[in-house]
Amino acid sequence: MEKMLFVYNPMSGKGLIRNSLSAIIELLSAGGFDITIYPTCGVKDGERIVEGRADEFDVIVCSGGDGTLDEIVTGLMRSGKRKRIGYIPSGSTNDFANSLGIPKQMEQAAKLILDGEPFACDLGRLNEDYFVYVAAFGIFTDVSYQTPQEMKNTFGHAAYILEAMKRMGTWKSHHMRITSEEFSEEGDFVFGMVTNSNSVGGFKGITGRNVELNDGLFEVMLVRTPLNLIDWQDIITAVLTRDTKSKRVVTFKTRKLRIESEEPVAWTRDGENGGESTCVEVENLPQKINVMVEASAGVSTVKAAAGT
């Protein structure tokens, strides 16, 4: 009998995991797992328990939002162990689950852990930290972790939009030096994101075309500082239409890049606070984690979910 560590965030989303927890545990237990259940009690609690106990288990399952998954993956990486990961999304947005084709219905997601197959997908490293699908800086990137949990539980995804509206007109420009094999430039930027996902902030397709989660490459978007309202219109149009010819929006794929700034810049990792730094090195770790996905189609399922 395989041993499973089941870590769940009882505050994630609207706390709906509480209503499905018993059915999920019964389903997984009937599938032959010896299950240890652990509810997280605070920030990085999931990371701590996985890092300390990963060696005891064959499978690590988490239920929560993308931030909870980030903690579990980070803990697993710090433990030095490679285990199968099951993900039962119960957050407000669940970008990475959408890209992997994991069902929103929690019991259906749990069945993938029994009937699916492991998919080796890429992982990101931001200096000494890890991220599952996005690292970003600039305008609005602090919305997800600055939005109160009570507001998320009440309004769901709309809570992020409401919080973002409060920040209109408060954006800050950063003077930066971007260095990679594909693109290098020194200039002023208001936003940047490095992704391995088709969906960010609940917006599908924003990361570009031909997204593959196991190709060893990130999708990068950089937004140069707008000089006027016409520039803002160009930026919005370029992002929504994925226009690669925009003078204000730069997009490219890369396995590694370095971003330096004159002043400390705040970063977010998978929607959580990633700290501040004047220099970050972002690197793709190819096919580093094994996440359970639908078995019938395997990699093709993930590509289809990613919009390729």
Protein backbone atom coordinates (compact mmCIF):
# COMPACT_ATOMS: atom_id res chain seq x y z
CA MET A 1 0.00 0.00 0.00
CA GLU A 2 1.46 3.33 -1.08
CA LYS A 3 1.66 6.15 1.44
CA MET A 4 0.15 9.54 0.65
CA LEU A 5 0.58 12.91 2.32
CA PHE A 6 -2.57 14.97 1.73
CA VAL A 7 -1.98 18.66 2.45
CA TYR A 8 -4.91 21.04 2.12
CA ASN A 9 -5.48 24.74 2.73
CA PRO A 10 -8.79 25.07 4.61
CA MET A 11 -8.94 28.81 3.81
CA SER A 12 -8.42 28.50 0.07
CA GLY A 13 -11.12 29.76 -2.26
CA LYS A 14 -14.38 29.82 -0.38
CA GLY A 15 -13.37 26.96 1.89
CA LEU A 16 -15.26 24.51 -0.32
CA ILE A 17 -12.70 21.77 0.32
CA ARG A 18 -14.40 21.26 3.69
CA ASN A 19 -17.58 20.12 1.93
CA SER A 20 -15.75 17.60 -0.27
CA LEU A 21 -12.94 16.47 2.01
CA SER A 22 -14.63 13.33 3.32
CA ALA A 23 -15.65 12.12 -0.15
CA ILE A 24 -12.15 12.80 -1.51
CA ILE A 25 -10.42 10.93 1.30
CA GLU A 26 -12.79 7.97 0.95
CA LEU A 27 -12.11 7.89 -2.81
CA LEU A 28 -8.33 7.95 -2.38
CA SER A 29 -8.40 5.43 0.45
CA ALA A 30 -10.49 3.03 -1.64
CA GLY A 31 -7.81 3.42 -4.33
CA GLY A 32 -5.30 1.75 -2.05
CA PHE A 33 -3.52 4.64 -0.34
CA ASP A 34 -2.51 4.90 3.30
CA ILE A 35 -3.28 8.59 3.84
CA THR A 36 -1.89 11.15 6.27
CA ILE A 37 -3.97 14.33 6.27
CA TYR A 38 -2.49 17.72 7.12
CA PRO A 39 -4.38 21.06 7.08
CA THR A 40 -2.09 24.06 6.71
CA CYS A 41 -2.12 26.61 9.52
CA GLY A 42 -0.35 29.57 7.95
CA VAL A 43 2.03 30.89 5.31
CA LYS A 44 4.73 28.36 4.28
CA ASP A 45 3.28 25.72 6.59
CA GLY A 46 2.76 23.40 3.62
CA GLU A 47 6.35 23.94 2.51
CA ARG A 48 7.61 23.08 5.98
CA ILE A 49 5.66 19.84 6.36
CA VAL A 50 6.58 18.56 2.88
CA GLU A 51 10.26 19.42 3.22
CA GLY A 52 10.44 17.66 6.57
CA ARG A 53 8.42 14.55 5.74
CA ALA A 54 8.62 13.96 1.97
CA ASP A 55 10.81 10.90 2.45
CA GLU A 56 7.99 9.11 4.30
CA PHE A 57 5.56 9.16 1.37
CA ASP A 58 5.19 7.91 -2.19
CA VAL A 59 2.73 10.58 -3.31
CA ILE A 60 2.22 14.19 -2.21
CA VAL A 61 -1.29 15.58 -2.80
CA CYS A 62 -2.34 19.14 -2.17
CA SER A 63 -5.64 20.97 -2.31
CA GLY A 64 -5.75 24.73 -2.42
CA GLY A 65 -4.86 27.48 -4.84
CA ASP A 66 -1.72 27.94 -6.90
CA GLY A 67 0.01 29.40 -3.85
CA THR A 68 -0.58 26.18 -1.92
CA LEU A 69 0.81 24.15 -4.82
CA ASP A 70 3.84 26.47 -4.87
CA GLU A 71 4.50 25.68 -1.20
CA ILE A 72 4.24 21.92 -1.73
CA VAL A 73 6.54 21.97 -4.76
CA THR A 74 9.05 24.22 -3.00
CA GLY A 75 9.08 21.94 0.03
CA LEU A 76 9.58 18.92 -2.21
CA MET A 77 12.48 20.57 -4.04
CA ARG A 78 14.13 21.56 -0.78
CA SER A 79 13.76 17.98 0.49
CA GLY A 80 15.77 16.68 -2.45
CA LYS A 81 13.12 14.03 -3.16
CA ARG A 82 11.19 13.47 -6.39
CA LYS A 83 7.65 12.28 -5.72
CA ARG A 84 4.44 12.18 -7.72
CA ILE A 85 2.28 15.22 -7.10
CA GLY A 86 -1.50 15.24 -7.10
CA TYR A 87 -3.29 18.59 -7.33
CA ILE A 88 -6.92 19.16 -6.35
CA PRO A 89 -7.56 22.86 -7.12
CA SER A 90 -9.78 24.72 -4.67
CA GLY A 91 -8.53 28.30 -5.01
CA SER A 92 -10.11 31.37 -6.55
CA THR A 93 -8.26 31.21 -9.88
CA ASN A 94 -6.24 27.95 -10.28
CA ASP A 95 -4.22 29.00 -13.34
CA PHE A 96 -1.82 26.06 -13.34
CA ALA A 97 -4.57 23.48 -12.94
CA ASN A 98 -6.33 24.97 -15.97
CA SER A 99 -3.15 24.69 -18.02
CA LEU A 100 -2.75 21.04 -17.03
CA GLY A 101 -6.36 20.19 -17.84
CA ILE A 102 -7.13 19.26 -14.23
CA PRO A 103 -10.91 19.41 -13.63
CA LYS A 104 -12.40 22.15 -11.47
CA GLN A 105 -14.71 19.62 -9.80
CA MET A 106 -12.66 18.41 -6.84
CA GLU A 107 -13.72 14.77 -6.81
CA GLN A 108 -12.96 14.48 -10.53
CA ALA A 109 -9.53 15.99 -9.88
CA ALA A 110 -9.00 13.40 -7.14
CA LYS A 111 -9.77 10.59 -9.59
CA LEU A 112 -6.82 11.71 -11.73
CA ILE A 113 -4.53 10.78 -8.84
CA LEU A 114 -5.86 7.22 -9.10
CA ASP A 115 -6.40 6.85 -12.85
CA GLY A 116 -4.05 9.42 -14.37
CA GLU A 117 -0.37 9.36 -15.19
CA PRO A 118 2.55 11.56 -14.09
CA PHE A 119 3.44 14.39 -16.44
CA ALA A 120 7.00 15.74 -16.13
CA CYS A 121 6.63 19.51 -16.43
CA ASP A 122 9.11 22.33 -16.13
CA LEU A 123 9.74 24.26 -12.93
CA GLY A 124 11.08 27.78 -12.49
CA ARG A 125 13.80 29.04 -10.21
CA LEU A 126 13.97 32.68 -9.12
CA ASN A 127 17.35 33.15 -7.43
CA GLU A 128 17.15 30.63 -4.56
CA ASP A 129 13.37 30.21 -4.66
CA TYR A 130 11.08 28.18 -6.94
CA PHE A 131 7.90 28.95 -8.84
CA VAL A 132 5.50 26.60 -10.58
CA TYR A 133 4.08 28.78 -13.35
CA VAL A 134 4.74 32.53 -13.00
CA ALA A 135 7.21 35.05 -11.59
CA ALA A 136 6.36 38.70 -12.16
CA PHE A 137 7.11 42.29 -11.18
CA GLY A 138 5.43 45.62 -11.63
CA ILE A 139 1.92 46.99 -11.89
CA PHE A 140 -0.84 44.90 -10.23
CA THR A 141 1.45 41.94 -9.46
CA ASP A 142 0.90 42.34 -5.71
CA VAL A 143 -2.90 42.15 -6.08
CA SER A 144 -3.19 38.42 -5.41
CA TYR A 145 -1.32 38.36 -2.11
CA GLN A 146 -2.53 41.80 -0.92
CA THR A 147 -6.20 40.89 -1.38
CA PRO A 148 -7.63 39.83 2.01
CA GLN A 149 -8.64 36.16 2.22
CA GLU A 150 -12.11 37.15 3.47
CA MET A 151 -12.59 39.24 0.33
CA LYS A 152 -11.50 36.33 -1.87
CA ASN A 153 -13.93 34.00 -0.09
CA THR A 154 -16.79 36.45 -0.57
CA PHE A 155 -16.21 37.62 -4.14
CA GLY A 156 -14.01 34.90 -5.66
CA HIS A 157 -12.05 35.99 -8.75
CA ALA A 158 -13.86 39.35 -8.75
CA ALA A 159 -11.97 40.21 -5.55
CA TYR A 160 -8.75 40.50 -7.56
CA ILE A 161 -10.38 42.90 -10.01
CA LEU A 162 -11.72 45.06 -7.18
CA GLU A 163 -8.32 45.17 -5.52
CA ALA A 164 -6.62 46.01 -8.83
CA MET A 165 -8.97 48.95 -9.37
CA LYS A 166 -7.71 50.48 -6.12
CA ARG A 167 -4.21 50.61 -7.64
CA MET A 168 -5.10 52.44 -10.85
CA GLY A 169 -2.85 55.46 -11.27
CA THR A 170 -0.28 54.28 -8.72
CA TRP A 171 2.00 52.33 -11.07
CA LYS A 172 5.76 52.79 -10.86
CA SER A 173 8.38 52.61 -13.58
CA HIS A 174 11.57 50.59 -13.04
CA HIS A 175 14.86 51.21 -14.83
CA MET A 176 16.22 47.76 -15.65
CA ARG A 177 18.78 45.82 -17.59
CA ILE A 178 17.36 42.64 -19.17
CA THR A 179 19.84 40.01 -20.33
CA SER A 180 19.14 36.72 -22.12
CA GLU A 181 20.30 34.89 -25.24
CA GLU A 182 17.16 35.94 -27.09
CA PHE A 183 16.68 39.53 -25.89
CA SER A 184 18.82 42.12 -24.08
CA GLU A 185 17.98 45.75 -23.36
CA GLU A 186 18.38 48.49 -20.78
CA GLY A 187 15.32 50.68 -20.31
CA ASP A 188 12.24 51.54 -18.28
CA PHE A 189 9.55 48.94 -17.60
CA VAL A 190 6.26 48.89 -15.66
CA PHE A 191 5.59 45.18 -15.83
CA GLY A 192 7.21 41.87 -16.59
CA MET A 193 6.30 38.22 -16.22
CA VAL A 194 8.06 34.94 -16.79
CA THR A 195 5.56 32.10 -17.22
CA ASN A 196 5.06 28.42 -17.89
CA SER A 197 1.30 28.48 -18.19
CA ASN A 198 -1.45 29.45 -20.60
CA SER A 199 -3.40 31.28 -17.92
CA VAL A 200 -2.35 34.04 -15.52
CA GLY A 201 -4.75 35.78 -13.19
CA GLY A 202 -7.58 33.81 -14.75
CA PHE A 203 -6.92 35.27 -18.20
CA LYS A 204 -6.31 32.54 -20.77
CA GLY A 205 -4.00 33.08 -23.72
CA ILE A 206 -2.25 36.08 -22.20
CA THR A 207 1.13 34.31 -22.16
CA GLY A 208 1.24 33.77 -25.93
CA ARG A 209 0.86 31.02 -28.50
CA ASN A 210 2.33 27.52 -28.66
CA VAL A 211 2.77 27.20 -24.91
CA GLU A 212 4.19 23.85 -23.84
CA LEU A 213 4.78 23.02 -20.20
CA ASN A 214 7.68 20.64 -20.75
CA ASP A 215 9.82 22.26 -23.46
CA GLY A 216 12.45 23.79 -21.16
CA LEU A 217 11.42 27.33 -22.14
CA PHE A 218 9.62 30.19 -20.42
CA GLU A 219 7.24 32.61 -22.10
CA VAL A 220 8.37 36.16 -21.22
CA MET A 221 6.39 39.39 -21.47
CA LEU A 222 7.89 42.81 -20.73
CA VAL A 223 5.95 46.09 -20.87
CA ARG A 224 7.94 49.24 -21.51
CA THR A 225 6.86 52.33 -19.57
CA PRO A 226 4.06 54.14 -21.46
CA LEU A 227 4.64 57.81 -22.23
CA ASN A 228 1.01 58.76 -22.83
CA LEU A 229 -2.54 57.41 -23.17
CA ILE A 230 -1.90 56.31 -26.73
CA ASP A 231 0.90 54.08 -25.46
CA TRP A 232 -1.46 52.59 -22.89
CA GLN A 233 -3.96 51.79 -25.63
CA ASP A 234 -1.21 50.13 -27.64
CA ILE A 235 -0.21 48.04 -24.63
CA ILE A 236 -3.75 46.90 -23.90
CA THR A 237 -4.37 46.01 -27.55
CA ALA A 238 -1.05 44.15 -27.85
CA VAL A 239 -1.70 42.10 -24.73
CA LEU A 240 -5.28 41.20 -25.65
CA THR A 241 -4.49 40.37 -29.28
CA ARG A 242 -1.02 38.92 -28.58
CA ASP A 243 0.47 41.36 -31.10
CA THR A 244 4.19 40.59 -31.37
CA LYS A 245 4.95 43.78 -33.31
CA SER A 246 4.09 46.24 -30.53
CA LYS A 247 6.81 48.75 -29.63
CA ARG A 248 5.69 48.76 -25.98
CA VAL A 249 5.22 45.03 -25.33
CA VAL A 250 8.13 42.63 -25.74
CA THR A 251 7.52 38.86 -25.87
CA PHE A 252 9.99 36.03 -26.33
CA LYS A 253 10.84 32.52 -25.14
CA THR A 254 13.96 31.72 -23.14
CA ARG A 255 15.42 29.17 -20.77
CA LYS A 256 17.24 31.71 -18.63
CA LEU A 257 17.38 35.46 -18.07
CA ARG A 258 18.84 38.03 -15.71
CA ILE A 259 17.06 41.20 -14.62
CA GLU A 260 18.92 43.99 -12.83
CA SER A 261 17.43 47.20 -11.44
CA GLU A 262 18.70 50.37 -9.80
CA GLU A 263 16.32 50.04 -6.85
CA PRO A 264 14.85 46.93 -5.15
CA VAL A 265 11.88 45.61 -7.12
CA ALA A 266 9.08 43.55 -5.58
CA TRP A 267 8.41 40.17 -7.21
CA THR A 268 5.56 37.72 -6.95
CA ARG A 269 5.88 33.92 -7.31
CA ASP A 270 2.71 32.01 -8.20
CA GLY A 271 0.61 34.82 -6.76
CA GLU A 272 2.53 34.97 -3.48
CA ASN A 273 5.02 37.51 -2.16
CA GLY A 274 8.41 36.80 -3.74
CA GLY A 275 10.39 39.48 -1.91
CA GLU A 276 12.41 42.40 -3.26
CA SER A 277 15.72 42.37 -5.13
CA THR A 278 17.94 44.50 -7.36
CA CYS A 279 19.08 41.44 -9.31
CA VAL A 280 17.26 38.24 -10.14
CA GLU A 281 18.28 35.27 -12.22
CA VAL A 282 15.40 33.21 -13.55
CA GLU A 283 16.08 29.71 -14.83
CA ASN A 284 13.92 26.96 -16.30
CA LEU A 285 14.44 23.53 -14.71
CA PRO A 286 13.21 21.19 -17.47
CA GLN A 287 10.70 18.45 -16.56
CA LYS A 288 11.58 18.75 -12.88
CA ILE A 289 8.26 17.83 -11.25
CA ASN A 290 5.77 15.01 -11.89
CA VAL A 291 2.13 16.11 -11.73
CA MET A 292 -0.75 13.67 -12.21
CA VAL A 293 -2.84 14.44 -15.33
CA GLU A 294 -5.36 12.61 -17.49
CA ALA A 295 -3.90 9.26 -18.61
CA SER A 296 -5.84 8.78 -21.84
CA ALA A 297 -4.10 11.58 -23.71
CA GLY A 298 -0.99 12.29 -21.62
CA VAL A 299 1.13 15.10 -23.02
CA SER A 300 -1.41 15.95 -25.73
CA THR A 301 -3.94 16.76 -23.01
CA VAL A 302 -1.57 19.27 -21.46
CA LYS A 303 -0.78 20.87 -24.82
CA ALA A 304 -4.46 21.18 -25.63
CA ALA A 305 -5.14 22.77 -22.24
CA ALA A 306 -2.31 25.20 -22.89
CA GLY A 307 -3.91 26.27 -26.15
CA THR A 308 -1.34 24.87 -28.57
